[in-house]
Amino acid sequence: MGHLRSAATVLAAIAVLTTTGCILPPPLPAAAPSQPQTQTPQPIPSRTQAPNPSNTPLPEVTPVEPDAPITLTDETVVDTGELYAGNPGETADGFFPDAAFDMLLAPTLGTPVIAPGIALPTTDAGDELYAGAVHTRDESLLLSTTGRIEMESSAGRFTCSGTVINSQTALIVITAAHCIWDDDTRDYFDRIRFSPGYEQGEAPYGTWEVEEMWVPEQYLEANTRWLDGADDDGWMGFDFGFIRVAPRGGQTLEDAVGGQGVSFTAETNGVVIAGYPGNDDFDAEVLRYCADDEVNYGAGGDANYGADCEMGDGASGSGWVSNIDEATGAGTITAVYSNGGSTGAYGPPLGITAWNGLQSLDR
């Protein structure tokens, strides 16, 4: 989950949809142009309780429920991995993930490899993804569809990560809810822009303006309880969201970069997490990745997948891509980076709530 560094120091049956299809903000007026901050993940396994200056009784915490009854057995028509990484859906603390839904969106290029394992060397260090490779979908769909998100509000400018997905409008990016909803203002960020293939100040496919946003009501309810002083981590199971960008020059986003697949089945065969961390040794300028061939679920009692990955600030919103085809970089996003750091990375599996949210925006 993201909170921030100093502003002074620095985004069907299986139904298959197939479709095909920017300018960084000017420097802020200052002696030295300020850089966007990166969203900082909260501690794991729980967030620090917010202040309660009045010492009034904290509200009773009610676990956030998904949009459908929790899936107890794997009923997907085509297996894409292990449901909830082999663990029960309800966590030790009584939280539930988004209920698994038998829906799979194919990537616009390549065919996901439905088999255990991952396509890249296992690493937890945030290595540069395909160092030296050109950020084109001919090289890898991972390189072209992953991008940096810049957000603005009255609290400042920040960065996260996101991934272009296959969609009917060909204009949709998936990211974390906290990269769309600003805790400081308790509202959507005032302005969000997305630069696919971003690398060291260069946006090879331009920067796309976001015109519509969606986050789950479950996230807003649980996150608001925490902000109001309740020690509640229910938001972690629903920290995902979608943004829809405006067409650019008569072209859709997928026309430009392609779209990654998405699995709403809560299954995974291991993941590759790609994004733009900005903490510690990172600067949110280079696309980096972690890869873990075995993920876990329910760490700390929260409804999240866990992976060995030390990326943090700015990596929020990164797609957890499973079943990758090494030749094309095509796979299926099964979760997004919600929070983490040196203790690992955590991301909520996508299910029926995510699917319904996508449908509400993808029109």
Protein backbone atom coordinates (compact mmCIF):
# COMPACT_ATOMS: atom_id res chain seq x y z
CA MET A 1 0.00 0.00 0.00
CA GLY A 2 1.38 3.32 -0.76
CA HIS A 3 2.30 6.23 1.26
CA LEU A 4 5.02 8.53 0.33
CA ARG A 5 8.57 9.77 0.25
CA SER A 6 9.43 13.44 0.53
CA ALA A 7 8.31 15.61 -2.37
CA ALA A 8 11.64 17.28 -2.35
CA THR A 9 13.47 14.02 -3.28
CA VAL A 10 11.99 12.91 -6.35
CA LEU A 11 2.17 4.13 -11.37
CA ALA A 12 -14.99 -17.12 -20.80
CA ALA A 13 -16.99 -20.91 -20.36
CA ILE A 14 -13.81 -18.76 -21.02
CA ALA A 15 -14.49 -15.49 -22.73
CA VAL A 16 -11.65 -14.19 -24.82
CA LEU A 17 -11.52 -10.62 -25.94
CA THR A 18 -9.13 -9.72 -28.71
CA THR A 19 -8.58 -6.19 -29.83
CA THR A 20 -5.72 -4.02 -30.87
CA GLY A 21 -5.45 -0.30 -29.76
CA CYS A 22 1.97 11.24 -24.43
CA ILE A 23 4.04 13.92 -22.77
CA LEU A 24 5.43 14.10 -19.31
CA PRO A 25 4.25 16.94 -17.07
CA PRO A 26 6.31 20.12 -17.22
CA PRO A 27 8.70 20.70 -14.32
CA LEU A 28 7.17 22.30 -11.29
CA PRO A 29 8.18 25.93 -10.83
CA ALA A 30 11.17 25.71 -8.52
CA ALA A 31 14.85 26.34 -8.53
CA ALA A 32 15.32 22.64 -9.26
CA PRO A 33 12.41 20.74 -10.82
CA SER A 34 10.85 18.43 -8.27
CA GLN A 35 10.45 14.77 -9.08
CA PRO A 36 7.33 12.72 -8.45
CA GLN A 37 7.35 10.76 -5.26
CA THR A 38 6.85 7.02 -5.35
CA GLN A 39 4.05 5.28 -3.53
CA THR A 40 5.49 3.62 -0.45
CA PRO A 41 4.24 0.19 0.62
CA GLN A 42 2.94 -0.22 4.16
CA PRO A 43 4.55 -2.65 6.58
CA ILE A 44 3.60 -6.30 6.53
CA PRO A 45 1.76 -8.07 8.01
CA SER A 46 -0.23 -5.09 9.22
CA ARG A 47 -0.40 -1.36 8.81
CA THR A 48 0.47 0.89 11.69
CA GLN A 49 -2.68 1.98 13.45
CA ALA A 50 -3.70 5.52 12.65
CA PRO A 51 -3.76 8.05 15.49
CA ASN A 52 -6.88 8.23 17.63
CA PRO A 53 -6.37 11.59 19.39
CA SER A 54 -9.80 11.67 21.00
CA ASN A 55 -9.28 8.23 22.58
CA THR A 56 -12.82 7.37 21.57
CA PRO A 57 -13.68 3.67 21.16
CA LEU A 58 -12.52 2.33 17.82
CA PRO A 59 -15.27 1.08 15.51
CA GLU A 60 -15.95 -2.64 15.39
CA VAL A 61 -14.15 -4.20 12.43
CA THR A 62 -16.23 -6.21 9.98
CA PRO A 63 -14.26 -8.21 7.42
CA VAL A 64 -14.86 -7.05 3.88
CA GLU A 65 -16.69 -9.64 1.78
CA PRO A 66 -16.24 -10.23 -1.96
CA ASP A 67 -19.01 -9.70 -4.49
CA ALA A 68 -19.76 -13.45 -4.59
CA PRO A 69 -19.50 -16.32 -2.08
CA ILE A 70 -15.90 -17.26 -1.50
CA THR A 71 -14.71 -19.98 -3.84
CA LEU A 72 -13.88 -23.13 -1.88
CA THR A 73 -13.14 -25.49 -4.76
CA ASP A 74 -11.45 -24.97 -8.11
CA GLU A 75 -14.21 -25.00 -10.72
CA THR A 76 -12.38 -23.32 -13.59
CA VAL A 77 -12.92 -24.92 -16.98
CA VAL A 78 -9.27 -24.59 -17.96
CA ASP A 79 -6.76 -24.68 -15.14
CA THR A 80 -4.27 -21.84 -15.09
CA GLY A 81 -2.55 -22.85 -11.87
CA GLU A 82 -3.29 -23.51 -8.22
CA LEU A 83 -6.31 -21.86 -6.59
CA TYR A 84 -5.18 -19.45 -3.84
CA ALA A 85 -1.73 -21.04 -4.14
CA GLY A 86 -3.12 -24.18 -2.48
CA ASN A 87 -4.37 -22.46 0.67
CA PRO A 88 -7.93 -21.90 1.97
CA GLY A 89 -9.57 -18.72 0.70
CA GLU A 90 -10.55 -17.45 4.14
CA THR A 91 -7.46 -16.28 5.98
CA ALA A 92 -6.42 -16.82 9.59
CA ASP A 93 -7.77 -13.37 10.46
CA GLY A 94 -11.14 -14.03 8.80
CA PHE A 95 -10.54 -11.98 5.68
CA PHE A 96 -11.70 -13.08 2.25
CA PRO A 97 -10.16 -12.50 -1.17
CA ASP A 98 -12.10 -11.42 -4.22
CA ALA A 99 -14.09 -14.58 -5.13
CA ALA A 100 -12.56 -16.55 -7.99
CA PHE A 101 -14.45 -16.22 -11.26
CA ASP A 102 -14.16 -18.46 -14.32
CA MET A 103 -13.01 -15.76 -16.71
CA LEU A 104 -9.78 -15.46 -18.63
CA LEU A 105 -8.79 -12.69 -21.04
CA ALA A 106 -6.15 -13.67 -23.57
CA PRO A 107 -3.23 -11.34 -24.34
CA THR A 108 -3.24 -9.66 -27.73
CA LEU A 109 -0.01 -11.38 -28.67
CA GLY A 110 1.26 -14.87 -27.87
CA THR A 111 -0.29 -17.71 -25.90
CA PRO A 112 0.25 -18.09 -22.14
CA VAL A 113 2.05 -21.27 -21.14
CA ILE A 114 -0.32 -23.04 -18.76
CA ALA A 115 2.28 -24.90 -16.73
CA PRO A 116 4.04 -24.56 -13.38
CA GLY A 117 7.10 -22.38 -13.28
CA ILE A 118 8.12 -19.04 -14.68
CA ALA A 119 9.83 -17.82 -17.82
CA LEU A 120 12.60 -15.79 -16.22
CA PRO A 121 15.31 -16.59 -13.67
CA THR A 122 14.00 -16.50 -10.11
CA THR A 123 15.05 -13.27 -8.45
CA ASP A 124 13.91 -11.16 -5.51
CA ALA A 125 16.26 -8.24 -6.05
CA GLY A 126 14.43 -6.03 -8.54
CA ASP A 127 16.78 -6.73 -11.44
CA GLU A 128 16.46 -4.72 -14.62
CA LEU A 129 13.99 -6.43 -16.95
CA TYR A 130 15.66 -7.42 -20.22
CA ALA A 131 18.46 -4.92 -19.78
CA GLY A 132 19.34 -3.20 -23.03
CA ALA A 133 16.30 -4.51 -24.91
CA VAL A 134 14.14 -2.12 -26.89
CA HIS A 135 10.75 -1.56 -25.29
CA THR A 136 8.61 -2.95 -28.10
CA ARG A 137 6.03 -5.72 -28.11
CA ASP A 138 8.08 -7.42 -30.82
CA GLU A 139 10.74 -7.80 -28.15
CA SER A 140 8.36 -8.69 -25.31
CA LEU A 141 4.81 -7.84 -24.33
CA LEU A 142 6.15 -7.35 -20.80
CA LEU A 143 8.32 -4.50 -22.05
CA SER A 144 5.68 -2.66 -24.05
CA THR A 145 2.61 -3.04 -21.81
CA THR A 146 4.25 -2.23 -18.47
CA GLY A 147 4.48 1.47 -17.73
CA ARG A 148 4.94 4.17 -15.14
CA ILE A 149 1.97 6.02 -13.68
CA GLU A 150 2.20 9.61 -12.47
CA MET A 151 -0.46 10.95 -10.11
CA GLU A 152 -1.16 14.47 -8.90
CA SER A 153 -3.22 15.82 -6.04
CA SER A 154 -3.06 18.69 -3.61
CA ALA A 155 -0.64 16.53 -1.59
CA GLY A 156 1.92 16.40 -4.39
CA ARG A 157 3.04 14.30 -7.35
CA PHE A 158 3.69 10.56 -7.06
CA THR A 159 4.47 7.52 -9.18
CA CYS A 160 3.18 3.96 -9.39
CA SER A 161 3.23 1.18 -11.99
CA GLY A 162 0.55 -0.34 -14.23
CA THR A 163 -0.01 -2.72 -17.12
CA VAL A 164 -2.07 -2.40 -20.31
CA ILE A 165 -4.57 -5.26 -20.54
CA ASN A 166 -6.70 -6.73 -23.30
CA SER A 167 -10.05 -4.96 -23.24
CA GLN A 168 -12.97 -4.01 -25.44
CA THR A 169 -12.07 -0.34 -25.55
CA ALA A 170 -8.35 -1.16 -25.86
CA LEU A 171 -7.72 1.69 -23.40
CA ILE A 172 -7.50 -0.03 -19.98
CA VAL A 173 -4.60 -0.19 -17.51
CA ILE A 174 -4.66 -2.26 -14.33
CA THR A 175 -2.94 -0.97 -11.19
CA ALA A 176 -3.39 -0.78 -7.41
CA ALA A 177 -6.39 1.01 -5.88
CA HIS A 178 -4.11 3.20 -3.78
CA CYS A 179 -2.51 4.45 -7.02
CA ILE A 180 -5.93 5.81 -8.01
CA TRP A 181 -7.45 6.85 -4.67
CA ASP A 182 -5.49 9.35 -2.58
CA ASP A 183 -5.54 8.72 1.17
CA ASP A 184 -4.55 12.29 1.88
CA THR A 185 -7.56 13.82 0.15
CA ARG A 186 -9.85 10.76 0.42
CA ASP A 187 -10.72 11.20 -3.23
CA TYR A 188 -9.43 10.16 -6.63
CA PHE A 189 -6.18 11.75 -7.66
CA ASP A 190 -6.75 14.97 -9.57
CA ARG A 191 -4.72 13.87 -12.57
CA ILE A 192 -3.23 10.54 -13.62
CA ARG A 193 -1.00 9.87 -16.63
CA PHE A 194 0.42 6.62 -17.95
CA SER A 195 3.63 6.11 -19.92
CA PRO A 196 3.97 2.55 -21.30
CA GLY A 197 7.51 1.36 -21.89
CA TYR A 198 8.90 4.23 -19.83
CA GLU A 199 12.67 4.14 -19.38
CA GLN A 200 14.96 6.78 -17.90
CA GLY A 201 12.89 9.79 -18.86
CA GLU A 202 11.88 8.45 -22.26
CA ALA A 203 8.27 7.57 -23.08
CA PRO A 204 8.54 5.73 -26.44
CA TYR A 205 4.76 5.41 -26.82
CA GLY A 206 3.97 8.81 -25.35
CA THR A 207 2.11 9.69 -22.17
CA TRP A 208 -1.60 8.96 -22.03
CA GLU A 209 -4.10 11.00 -20.01
CA VAL A 210 -6.49 9.08 -17.77
CA GLU A 211 -10.14 10.01 -18.19
CA GLU A 212 -11.99 7.44 -16.04
CA MET A 213 -11.05 5.49 -12.91
CA TRP A 214 -12.46 2.64 -10.80
CA VAL A 215 -11.60 1.12 -7.43
CA PRO A 216 -13.61 -1.48 -5.45
CA GLU A 217 -16.12 -0.35 -2.85
CA GLN A 218 -14.66 -3.02 -0.57
CA TYR A 219 -11.32 -1.26 -0.72
CA LEU A 220 -12.83 2.13 0.03
CA GLU A 221 -14.82 0.81 2.99
CA ALA A 222 -11.93 -1.03 4.62
CA ASN A 223 -9.38 1.68 3.89
CA THR A 224 -11.67 4.36 5.32
CA ARG A 225 -12.06 2.35 8.52
CA TRP A 226 -8.31 2.20 8.85
CA LEU A 227 -7.91 5.92 8.16
CA ASP A 228 -10.52 6.58 10.84
CA GLY A 229 -8.54 4.65 13.42
CA ALA A 230 -9.57 1.00 13.16
CA ASP A 231 -6.80 -1.57 13.01
CA ASP A 232 -8.20 -3.29 9.93
CA ASP A 233 -6.31 -4.80 7.01
CA GLY A 234 -9.35 -5.78 4.94
CA TRP A 235 -8.30 -3.33 2.25
CA MET A 236 -5.38 -5.56 1.27
CA GLY A 237 -7.61 -8.11 -0.47
CA PHE A 238 -9.10 -5.45 -2.74
CA ASP A 239 -6.19 -3.13 -3.49
CA PHE A 240 -6.66 -3.24 -7.26
CA GLY A 241 -8.26 -0.90 -9.76
CA PHE A 242 -8.51 0.11 -13.39
CA ILE A 243 -7.91 3.34 -15.27
CA ARG A 244 -9.11 4.16 -18.78
CA VAL A 245 -7.02 6.51 -20.85
CA ALA A 246 -8.16 8.80 -23.62
CA PRO A 247 -7.32 7.81 -27.20
CA ARG A 248 -4.27 9.60 -28.52
CA GLY A 249 -3.95 10.78 -32.10
CA GLY A 250 -6.80 8.51 -33.16
CA GLN A 251 -4.96 5.49 -31.75
CA THR A 252 -5.87 3.25 -28.83
CA LEU A 253 -3.41 2.18 -26.18
CA GLU A 254 -3.49 -1.43 -27.37
CA ASP A 255 -2.89 -0.26 -30.95
CA ALA A 256 0.35 1.17 -29.65
CA VAL A 257 1.64 -1.45 -27.22
CA GLY A 258 -0.63 -4.52 -27.16
CA GLY A 259 -2.44 -5.82 -24.10
CA GLN A 260 -1.53 -8.39 -21.48
CA GLY A 261 -3.95 -11.18 -20.54
CA VAL A 262 -5.85 -11.26 -17.24
CA SER A 263 -6.97 -14.21 -15.12
CA PHE A 264 -9.87 -13.76 -12.70
CA THR A 265 -9.60 -17.38 -11.51
CA ALA A 266 -7.41 -16.79 -8.42
CA GLU A 267 -4.99 -19.37 -9.81
CA THR A 268 -1.28 -18.93 -10.29
CA ASN A 269 1.72 -20.90 -11.54
CA GLY A 270 4.23 -18.51 -10.07
CA VAL A 271 4.63 -14.91 -11.15
CA VAL A 272 6.83 -12.30 -12.74
CA ILE A 273 6.30 -8.86 -11.17
CA ALA A 274 7.41 -5.95 -13.35
CA GLY A 275 7.31 -2.26 -12.43
CA TYR A 276 9.14 0.89 -11.47
CA PRO A 277 10.32 0.87 -7.83
CA GLY A 278 11.69 4.13 -6.49
CA ASN A 279 12.95 3.30 -3.01
CA ASP A 280 16.41 2.60 -1.68
CA ASP A 281 18.68 1.75 -4.62
CA PHE A 282 15.93 2.34 -7.17
CA ASP A 283 14.84 5.57 -8.83
CA ALA A 284 11.50 4.78 -10.56
CA GLU A 285 13.28 5.39 -13.87
CA VAL A 286 14.05 1.82 -14.94
CA LEU A 287 11.74 -1.15 -15.46
CA ARG A 288 12.66 -3.84 -12.95
CA TYR A 289 11.29 -7.22 -12.00
CA CYS A 290 11.09 -10.03 -9.48
CA ALA A 291 10.23 -13.62 -10.35
CA ASP A 292 9.02 -16.35 -8.00
CA ASP A 293 8.03 -19.84 -9.14
CA GLU A 294 6.08 -20.51 -5.94
CA VAL A 295 3.78 -17.95 -4.35
CA ASN A 296 2.01 -18.26 -1.01
CA TYR A 297 -1.29 -16.85 0.25
CA GLY A 298 -2.67 -15.40 3.46
CA ALA A 299 0.53 -14.08 5.03
CA GLY A 300 -0.23 -12.10 8.17
CA GLY A 301 -3.89 -13.13 7.93
CA ASP A 302 -4.45 -10.94 4.87
CA ALA A 303 -6.11 -12.03 1.62
CA ASN A 304 -3.00 -11.51 -0.49
CA TYR A 305 -0.58 -13.59 -2.49
CA GLY A 306 3.00 -13.31 -1.30
CA ALA A 307 6.21 -13.57 -3.31
CA ASP A 308 9.90 -13.14 -2.64
CA CYS A 309 10.50 -9.65 -3.98
CA GLU A 310 12.28 -6.66 -2.50
CA MET A 311 10.88 -3.96 -4.75
CA GLY A 312 8.87 -1.34 -2.89
CA ASP A 313 7.83 2.27 -3.45
CA GLY A 314 6.68 2.91 -6.99
CA ALA A 315 6.28 -0.80 -7.77
CA SER A 316 2.74 -0.52 -6.42
CA GLY A 317 0.29 -1.52 -9.16
CA SER A 318 2.75 -3.80 -10.97
CA GLY A 319 1.09 -6.77 -12.62
CA TRP A 320 1.73 -10.24 -11.20
CA VAL A 321 2.02 -12.08 -14.52
CA SER A 322 1.62 -15.85 -14.51
CA ASN A 323 1.97 -18.45 -17.29
CA ILE A 324 4.34 -16.34 -19.34
CA ASP A 325 5.28 -17.32 -22.88
CA GLU A 326 8.99 -16.62 -22.87
CA ALA A 327 9.11 -15.95 -26.61
CA THR A 328 6.52 -13.16 -26.54
CA GLY A 329 6.31 -12.06 -22.90
CA ALA A 330 2.57 -12.79 -22.98
CA GLY A 331 0.84 -14.13 -19.89
CA THR A 332 -2.08 -13.58 -17.55
CA ILE A 333 -2.14 -11.05 -14.73
CA THR A 334 -3.50 -12.80 -11.66
CA ALA A 335 -2.86 -10.07 -9.05
CA VAL A 336 -1.27 -6.65 -8.67
CA TYR A 337 1.43 -5.39 -6.33
CA SER A 338 -0.27 -3.89 -3.28
CA ASN A 339 2.44 -3.58 -0.64
CA GLY A 340 5.76 -4.94 0.48
CA GLY A 341 9.43 -4.15 0.68
CA SER A 342 12.33 -6.04 2.20
CA THR A 343 9.89 -8.56 3.72
CA GLY A 344 8.50 -9.54 0.32
CA ALA A 345 5.75 -8.44 -2.04
CA TYR A 346 2.01 -8.87 -1.52
CA GLY A 347 -0.84 -8.64 -4.00
CA PRO A 348 -4.58 -9.42 -4.01
CA PRO A 349 -5.81 -12.12 -6.44
CA LEU A 350 -8.30 -10.87 -9.00
CA GLY A 351 -11.86 -12.24 -9.05
CA ILE A 352 -15.50 -11.33 -9.63
CA THR A 353 -15.22 -7.83 -8.14
CA ALA A 354 -12.33 -7.01 -10.44
CA TRP A 355 -14.22 -8.39 -13.43
CA ASN A 356 -17.32 -6.32 -12.60
CA GLY A 357 -15.19 -3.23 -12.15
CA LEU A 358 -13.52 -3.75 -15.51
CA GLN A 359 -16.91 -4.08 -17.18
CA SER A 360 -18.11 -0.83 -15.63
CA LEU A 361 -15.15 1.07 -17.07
CA ASP A 362 -14.52 -0.76 -20.34
CA ARG A 363 -17.23 0.87 -22.47
